[in-house]
Amino acid sequence: MSEAIIANTPDKIEMFRLLALRGALKLELKGMHRRGRSIYSVIKSEFGFKGSKQRVLDQFEGYIRDRGGLR
C-alpha cells in the first residue's frame, strides 16, 4: 500500500497543480474534451510552449522534471 502525499507547502501545492495539468493534457491527447479553454491552450499560454499537443506535453514533462517532479 502506498503512503499518502500531503501537499502542505506552496512548492508542493504548485507541483501538484503541474502534475494535474499534465494528467489533463494526457487525457486531451486521448480525445477527452472539456468545456471552456483546453488544457493544451492553458499550458501553452502560461508556459510559452509551442507545437502540437504531443510536443507541448514533452516540453511540459521536461519542465516538471527540471523542477524535481518526475523521475
PDB file of N, CA and C in Angstrom:
ATOM      1  N   MET A   1       0.845  -1.171   0.000  1.00  0.00           N
ATOM      2  CA  MET A   1       0.000   0.000   0.000  1.00  0.00           C
ATOM      3  C   MET A   1       0.890   1.234   0.000  1.00  0.00           C
ATOM      4  N   SER A   2       0.547   2.232  -0.821  1.00  0.00           N
ATOM      5  CA  SER A   2       1.356   3.441  -0.907  1.00  0.00           C
ATOM      6  C   SER A   2       0.971   4.428   0.193  1.00  0.00           C
ATOM      7  N   GLU A   3       1.916   5.287   0.518  1.00  0.00           N
ATOM      8  CA  GLU A   3       1.676   6.288   1.547  1.00  0.00           C
ATOM      9  C   GLU A   3       0.932   7.480   0.959  1.00  0.00           C
ATOM     10  N   ALA A   4       0.222   8.184   1.797  1.00  0.00           N
ATOM     11  CA  ALA A   4      -0.476   9.390   1.367  1.00  0.00           C
ATOM     12  C   ALA A   4       0.532  10.501   1.126  1.00  0.00           C
ATOM     13  N   ILE A   5       0.219  11.367   0.185  1.00  0.00           N
ATOM     14  CA  ILE A   5       1.066  12.517  -0.102  1.00  0.00           C
ATOM     15  C   ILE A   5       0.351  13.759   0.424  1.00  0.00           C
ATOM     16  N   ILE A   6       1.075  14.553   1.192  1.00  0.00           N
ATOM     17  CA  ILE A   6       0.499  15.764   1.751  1.00  0.00           C
ATOM     18  C   ILE A   6       1.168  16.962   1.097  1.00  0.00           C
ATOM     19  N   ALA A   7       0.371  17.781   0.454  1.00  0.00           N
ATOM     20  CA  ALA A   7       0.875  18.995  -0.189  1.00  0.00           C
ATOM     21  C   ALA A   7       0.565  20.165   0.741  1.00  0.00           C
ATOM     22  N   ASN A   8       1.485  20.443   1.656  1.00  0.00           N
ATOM     23  CA  ASN A   8       1.230  21.461   2.671  1.00  0.00           C
ATOM     24  C   ASN A   8       2.179  22.657   2.601  1.00  0.00           C
ATOM     25  N   THR A   9       2.921  22.781   1.505  1.00  0.00           N
ATOM     26  CA  THR A   9       3.771  23.945   1.297  1.00  0.00           C
ATOM     27  C   THR A   9       3.459  24.520  -0.082  1.00  0.00           C
ATOM     28  N   PRO A  10       3.761  25.789  -0.298  1.00  0.00           N
ATOM     29  CA  PRO A  10       3.487  26.372  -1.620  1.00  0.00           C
ATOM     30  C   PRO A  10       4.164  25.617  -2.764  1.00  0.00           C
ATOM     31  N   ASP A  11       5.390  25.142  -2.557  1.00  0.00           N
ATOM     32  CA  ASP A  11       6.088  24.393  -3.610  1.00  0.00           C
ATOM     33  C   ASP A  11       5.386  23.075  -3.922  1.00  0.00           C
ATOM     34  N   LYS A  12       4.943  22.378  -2.894  1.00  0.00           N
ATOM     35  CA  LYS A  12       4.257  21.102  -3.106  1.00  0.00           C
ATOM     36  C   LYS A  12       2.892  21.311  -3.765  1.00  0.00           C
ATOM     37  N   ILE A  13       2.209  22.376  -3.379  1.00  0.00           N
ATOM     38  CA  ILE A  13       0.911  22.683  -3.984  1.00  0.00           C
ATOM     39  C   ILE A  13       1.095  22.997  -5.461  1.00  0.00           C
ATOM     40  N   GLU A  14       2.126  23.776  -5.789  1.00  0.00           N
ATOM     41  CA  GLU A  14       2.399  24.102  -7.194  1.00  0.00           C
ATOM     42  C   GLU A  14       2.751  22.843  -7.982  1.00  0.00           C
ATOM     43  N   MET A  15       3.539  21.938  -7.396  1.00  0.00           N
ATOM     44  CA  MET A  15       3.898  20.699  -8.090  1.00  0.00           C
ATOM     45  C   MET A  15       2.653  19.849  -8.328  1.00  0.00           C
ATOM     46  N   PHE A  16       1.753  19.795  -7.348  1.00  0.00           N
ATOM     47  CA  PHE A  16       0.509  19.055  -7.516  1.00  0.00           C
ATOM     48  C   PHE A  16      -0.282  19.632  -8.692  1.00  0.00           C
ATOM     49  N   ARG A  17      -0.340  20.967  -8.785  1.00  0.00           N
ATOM     50  CA  ARG A  17      -1.042  21.618  -9.890  1.00  0.00           C
ATOM     51  C   ARG A  17      -0.413  21.263 -11.228  1.00  0.00           C
ATOM     52  N   LEU A  18       0.916  21.290 -11.291  1.00  0.00           N
ATOM     53  CA  LEU A  18       1.601  20.945 -12.539  1.00  0.00           C
ATOM     54  C   LEU A  18       1.302  19.505 -12.950  1.00  0.00           C
ATOM     55  N   LEU A  19       1.315  18.598 -11.983  1.00  0.00           N
ATOM     56  CA  LEU A  19       1.035  17.192 -12.294  1.00  0.00           C
ATOM     57  C   LEU A  19      -0.418  16.989 -12.707  1.00  0.00           C
ATOM     58  N   ALA A  20      -1.332  17.771 -12.121  1.00  0.00           N
ATOM     59  CA  ALA A  20      -2.746  17.691 -12.515  1.00  0.00           C
ATOM     60  C   ALA A  20      -2.924  18.201 -13.948  1.00  0.00           C
ATOM     61  N   LEU A  21      -2.239  19.301 -14.292  1.00  0.00           N
ATOM     62  CA  LEU A  21      -2.296  19.808 -15.665  1.00  0.00           C
ATOM     63  C   LEU A  21      -1.742  18.779 -16.641  1.00  0.00           C
ATOM     64  N   ARG A  22      -0.650  18.137 -16.265  1.00  0.00           N
ATOM     65  CA  ARG A  22      -0.045  17.104 -17.109  1.00  0.00           C
ATOM     66  C   ARG A  22      -1.028  15.956 -17.362  1.00  0.00           C
ATOM     67  N   GLY A  23      -1.700  15.521 -16.309  1.00  0.00           N
ATOM     68  CA  GLY A  23      -2.682  14.450 -16.452  1.00  0.00           C
ATOM     69  C   GLY A  23      -3.844  14.849 -17.344  1.00  0.00           C
ATOM     70  N   ALA A  24      -4.304  16.086 -17.201  1.00  0.00           N
ATOM     71  CA  ALA A  24      -5.404  16.569 -18.035  1.00  0.00           C
ATOM     72  C   ALA A  24      -4.981  16.662 -19.501  1.00  0.00           C
ATOM     73  N   LEU A  25      -3.746  17.086 -19.745  1.00  0.00           N
ATOM     74  CA  LEU A  25      -3.263  17.163 -21.126  1.00  0.00           C
ATOM     75  C   LEU A  25      -3.146  15.766 -21.731  1.00  0.00           C
ATOM     76  N   LYS A  26      -2.723  14.794 -20.945  1.00  0.00           N
ATOM     77  CA  LYS A  26      -2.657  13.412 -21.449  1.00  0.00           C
ATOM     78  C   LYS A  26      -4.047  12.916 -21.837  1.00  0.00           C
ATOM     79  N   LEU A  27      -5.061  13.277 -21.045  1.00  0.00           N
ATOM     80  CA  LEU A  27      -6.433  12.886 -21.386  1.00  0.00           C
ATOM     81  C   LEU A  27      -6.899  13.575 -22.662  1.00  0.00           C
ATOM     82  N   GLU A  28      -6.525  14.836 -22.845  1.00  0.00           N
ATOM     83  CA  GLU A  28      -6.871  15.535 -24.086  1.00  0.00           C
ATOM     84  C   GLU A  28      -6.224  14.857 -25.286  1.00  0.00           C
ATOM     85  N   LEU A  29      -5.010  14.386 -25.120  1.00  0.00           N
ATOM     86  CA  LEU A  29      -4.336  13.676 -26.213  1.00  0.00           C
ATOM     87  C   LEU A  29      -5.100  12.416 -26.602  1.00  0.00           C
ATOM     88  N   LYS A  30      -5.774  11.812 -25.642  1.00  0.00           N
ATOM     89  CA  LYS A  30      -6.535  10.594 -25.914  1.00  0.00           C
ATOM     90  C   LYS A  30      -7.939  10.882 -26.412  1.00  0.00           C
ATOM     91  N   GLY A  31      -8.303  12.188 -26.488  1.00  0.00           N
ATOM     92  CA  GLY A  31      -9.591  12.538 -27.072  1.00  0.00           C
ATOM     93  C   GLY A  31     -10.617  13.105 -26.127  1.00  0.00           C
ATOM     94  N   MET A  32     -10.323  13.222 -24.855  1.00  0.00           N
ATOM     95  CA  MET A  32     -11.298  13.760 -23.915  1.00  0.00           C
ATOM     96  C   MET A  32     -11.422  15.271 -24.108  1.00  0.00           C
ATOM     97  N   HIS A  33     -12.643  15.776 -23.987  1.00  0.00           N
ATOM     98  CA  HIS A  33     -12.915  17.198 -24.147  1.00  0.00           C
ATOM     99  C   HIS A  33     -13.412  17.767 -22.836  1.00  0.00           C
ATOM    100  N   ARG A  34     -13.321  19.083 -22.721  1.00  0.00           N
ATOM    101  CA  ARG A  34     -13.855  19.776 -21.557  1.00  0.00           C
ATOM    102  C   ARG A  34     -14.481  21.081 -22.022  1.00  0.00           C
ATOM    103  N   ARG A  35     -15.296  21.665 -21.190  1.00  0.00           N
ATOM    104  CA  ARG A  35     -15.893  22.961 -21.513  1.00  0.00           C
ATOM    105  C   ARG A  35     -14.860  24.048 -21.294  1.00  0.00           C
ATOM    106  N   GLY A  36     -14.991  25.116 -22.033  1.00  0.00           N
ATOM    107  CA  GLY A  36     -14.064  26.230 -21.864  1.00  0.00           C
ATOM    108  C   GLY A  36     -12.752  25.987 -22.585  1.00  0.00           C
ATOM    109  N   ARG A  37     -11.715  26.677 -22.137  1.00  0.00           N
ATOM    110  CA  ARG A  37     -10.396  26.551 -22.753  1.00  0.00           C
ATOM    111  C   ARG A  37      -9.833  25.156 -22.545  1.00  0.00           C
ATOM    112  N   SER A  38      -9.117  24.699 -23.538  1.00  0.00           N
ATOM    113  CA  SER A  38      -8.469  23.404 -23.397  1.00  0.00           C
ATOM    114  C   SER A  38      -7.242  23.548 -22.500  1.00  0.00           C
ATOM    115  N   ILE A  39      -6.864  22.465 -21.870  1.00  0.00           N
ATOM    116  CA  ILE A  39      -5.660  22.459 -21.044  1.00  0.00           C
ATOM    117  C   ILE A  39      -4.445  22.738 -21.922  1.00  0.00           C
ATOM    118  N   TYR A  40      -4.484  22.250 -23.138  1.00  0.00           N
ATOM    119  CA  TYR A  40      -3.417  22.500 -24.110  1.00  0.00           C
ATOM    120  C   TYR A  40      -3.183  23.996 -24.268  1.00  0.00           C
ATOM    121  N   SER A  41      -4.263  24.771 -24.447  1.00  0.00           N
ATOM    122  CA  SER A  41      -4.107  26.213 -24.618  1.00  0.00           C
ATOM    123  C   SER A  41      -3.681  26.891 -23.316  1.00  0.00           C
ATOM    124  N   VAL A  42      -4.141  26.390 -22.178  1.00  0.00           N
ATOM    125  CA  VAL A  42      -3.744  26.947 -20.885  1.00  0.00           C
ATOM    126  C   VAL A  42      -2.239  26.778 -20.686  1.00  0.00           C
ATOM    127  N   ILE A  43      -1.728  25.577 -20.933  1.00  0.00           N
ATOM    128  CA  ILE A  43      -0.301  25.297 -20.752  1.00  0.00           C
ATOM    129  C   ILE A  43       0.524  26.118 -21.738  1.00  0.00           C
ATOM    130  N   LYS A  44       0.079  26.178 -22.997  1.00  0.00           N
ATOM    131  CA  LYS A  44       0.822  26.945 -23.998  1.00  0.00           C
ATOM    132  C   LYS A  44       0.931  28.412 -23.600  1.00  0.00           C
ATOM    133  N   SER A  45      -0.162  29.006 -23.165  1.00  0.00           N
ATOM    134  CA  SER A  45      -0.121  30.433 -22.837  1.00  0.00           C
ATOM    135  C   SER A  45       0.622  30.696 -21.528  1.00  0.00           C
ATOM    136  N   GLU A  46       0.462  29.830 -20.550  1.00  0.00           N
ATOM    137  CA  GLU A  46       1.093  30.048 -19.246  1.00  0.00           C
ATOM    138  C   GLU A  46       2.600  29.811 -19.267  1.00  0.00           C
ATOM    139  N   PHE A  47       3.045  28.814 -20.028  1.00  0.00           N
ATOM    140  CA  PHE A  47       4.456  28.443 -20.006  1.00  0.00           C
ATOM    141  C   PHE A  47       5.196  28.794 -21.293  1.00  0.00           C
ATOM    142  N   GLY A  48       4.469  29.265 -22.307  1.00  0.00           N
ATOM    143  CA  GLY A  48       5.105  29.712 -23.546  1.00  0.00           C
ATOM    144  C   GLY A  48       5.581  28.600 -24.462  1.00  0.00           C
ATOM    145  N   PHE A  49       5.040  27.396 -24.309  1.00  0.00           N
ATOM    146  CA  PHE A  49       5.429  26.289 -25.181  1.00  0.00           C
ATOM    147  C   PHE A  49       4.737  26.433 -26.528  1.00  0.00           C
ATOM    148  N   LYS A  50       5.335  25.842 -27.548  1.00  0.00           N
ATOM    149  CA  LYS A  50       4.766  25.896 -28.896  1.00  0.00           C
ATOM    150  C   LYS A  50       4.776  24.494 -29.492  1.00  0.00           C
ATOM    151  N   GLY A  51       3.849  24.246 -30.416  1.00  0.00           N
ATOM    152  CA  GLY A  51       3.824  22.988 -31.124  1.00  0.00           C
ATOM    153  C   GLY A  51       2.530  22.228 -30.923  1.00  0.00           C
ATOM    154  N   SER A  52       2.564  20.981 -31.354  1.00  0.00           N
ATOM    155  CA  SER A  52       1.391  20.101 -31.250  1.00  0.00           C
ATOM    156  C   SER A  52       1.168  19.708 -29.791  1.00  0.00           C
ATOM    157  N   LYS A  53       0.034  19.057 -29.550  1.00  0.00           N
ATOM    158  CA  LYS A  53      -0.259  18.619 -28.184  1.00  0.00           C
ATOM    159  C   LYS A  53       0.836  17.698 -27.651  1.00  0.00           C
ATOM    160  N   GLN A  54       1.309  16.778 -28.490  1.00  0.00           N
ATOM    161  CA  GLN A  54       2.349  15.854 -28.043  1.00  0.00           C
ATOM    162  C   GLN A  54       3.648  16.596 -27.752  1.00  0.00           C
ATOM    163  N   ARG A  55       3.980  17.525 -28.609  1.00  0.00           N
ATOM    164  CA  ARG A  55       5.214  18.301 -28.402  1.00  0.00           C
ATOM    165  C   ARG A  55       5.124  19.164 -27.135  1.00  0.00           C
ATOM    166  N   VAL A  56       3.965  19.766 -26.897  1.00  0.00           N
ATOM    167  CA  VAL A  56       3.764  20.565 -25.683  1.00  0.00           C
ATOM    168  C   VAL A  56       3.848  19.660 -24.458  1.00  0.00           C
ATOM    169  N   LEU A  57       3.269  18.453 -24.532  1.00  0.00           N
ATOM    170  CA  LEU A  57       3.362  17.514 -23.417  1.00  0.00           C
ATOM    171  C   LEU A  57       4.820  17.164 -23.129  1.00  0.00           C
ATOM    172  N   ASP A  58       5.597  16.897 -24.164  1.00  0.00           N
ATOM    173  CA  ASP A  58       7.014  16.569 -23.976  1.00  0.00           C
ATOM    174  C   ASP A  58       7.763  17.727 -23.321  1.00  0.00           C
ATOM    175  N   GLN A  59       7.512  18.938 -23.785  1.00  0.00           N
ATOM    176  CA  GLN A  59       8.163  20.122 -23.201  1.00  0.00           C
ATOM    177  C   GLN A  59       7.732  20.316 -21.750  1.00  0.00           C
ATOM    178  N   PHE A  60       6.451  20.113 -21.493  1.00  0.00           N
ATOM    179  CA  PHE A  60       5.907  20.298 -20.148  1.00  0.00           C
ATOM    180  C   PHE A  60       6.476  19.263 -19.183  1.00  0.00           C
ATOM    181  N   GLU A  61       6.586  18.020 -19.637  1.00  0.00           N
ATOM    182  CA  GLU A  61       7.179  16.990 -18.789  1.00  0.00           C
ATOM    183  C   GLU A  61       8.641  17.310 -18.489  1.00  0.00           C
ATOM    184  N   GLY A  62       9.364  17.870 -19.456  1.00  0.00           N
ATOM    185  CA  GLY A  62      10.734  18.309 -19.215  1.00  0.00           C
ATOM    186  C   GLY A  62      10.786  19.418 -18.173  1.00  0.00           C
ATOM    187  N   TYR A  63       9.839  20.345 -18.256  1.00  0.00           N
ATOM    188  CA  TYR A  63       9.751  21.434 -17.288  1.00  0.00           C
ATOM    189  C   TYR A  63       9.514  20.880 -15.879  1.00  0.00           C
ATOM    190  N   ILE A  64       8.570  19.949 -15.767  1.00  0.00           N
ATOM    191  CA  ILE A  64       8.268  19.345 -14.463  1.00  0.00           C
ATOM    192  C   ILE A  64       9.480  18.570 -13.949  1.00  0.00           C
ATOM    193  N   ARG A  65      10.131  17.831 -14.831  1.00  0.00           N
ATOM    194  CA  ARG A  65      11.315  17.050 -14.449  1.00  0.00           C
ATOM    195  C   ARG A  65      12.411  17.970 -13.916  1.00  0.00           C
ATOM    196  N   ASP A  66      12.609  19.102 -14.576  1.00  0.00           N
ATOM    197  CA  ASP A  66      13.622  20.064 -14.143  1.00  0.00           C
ATOM    198  C   ASP A  66      13.318  20.625 -12.759  1.00  0.00           C
ATOM    199  N   ARG A  67      12.032  20.712 -12.419  1.00  0.00           N
ATOM    200  CA  ARG A  67      11.635  21.210 -11.096  1.00  0.00           C
ATOM    201  C   ARG A  67      11.632  20.100 -10.048  1.00  0.00           C
ATOM    202  N   GLY A  68      11.981  18.871 -10.447  1.00  0.00           N
ATOM    203  CA  GLY A  68      12.071  17.768  -9.484  1.00  0.00           C
ATOM    204  C   GLY A  68      10.796  16.985  -9.281  1.00  0.00           C
ATOM    205  N   GLY A  69       9.841  17.113 -10.198  1.00  0.00           N
ATOM    206  CA  GLY A  69       8.552  16.456 -10.019  1.00  0.00           C
ATOM    207  C   GLY A  69       8.426  15.092 -10.674  1.00  0.00           C
ATOM    208  N   LEU A  70       9.210  14.800 -11.689  1.00  0.00           N
ATOM    209  CA  LEU A  70       9.163  13.495 -12.359  1.00  0.00           C
ATOM    210  C   LEU A  70      10.531  12.863 -12.290  1.00  0.00           C
ATOM    211  N   ARG A  71      10.541  11.549 -12.253  1.00  0.00           N
ATOM    212  CA  ARG A  71      11.829  10.835 -12.214  1.00  0.00           C
ATOM    213  C   ARG A  71      12.063  10.125 -13.505  1.00  0.00           C
TER     214      ARG A  71
END
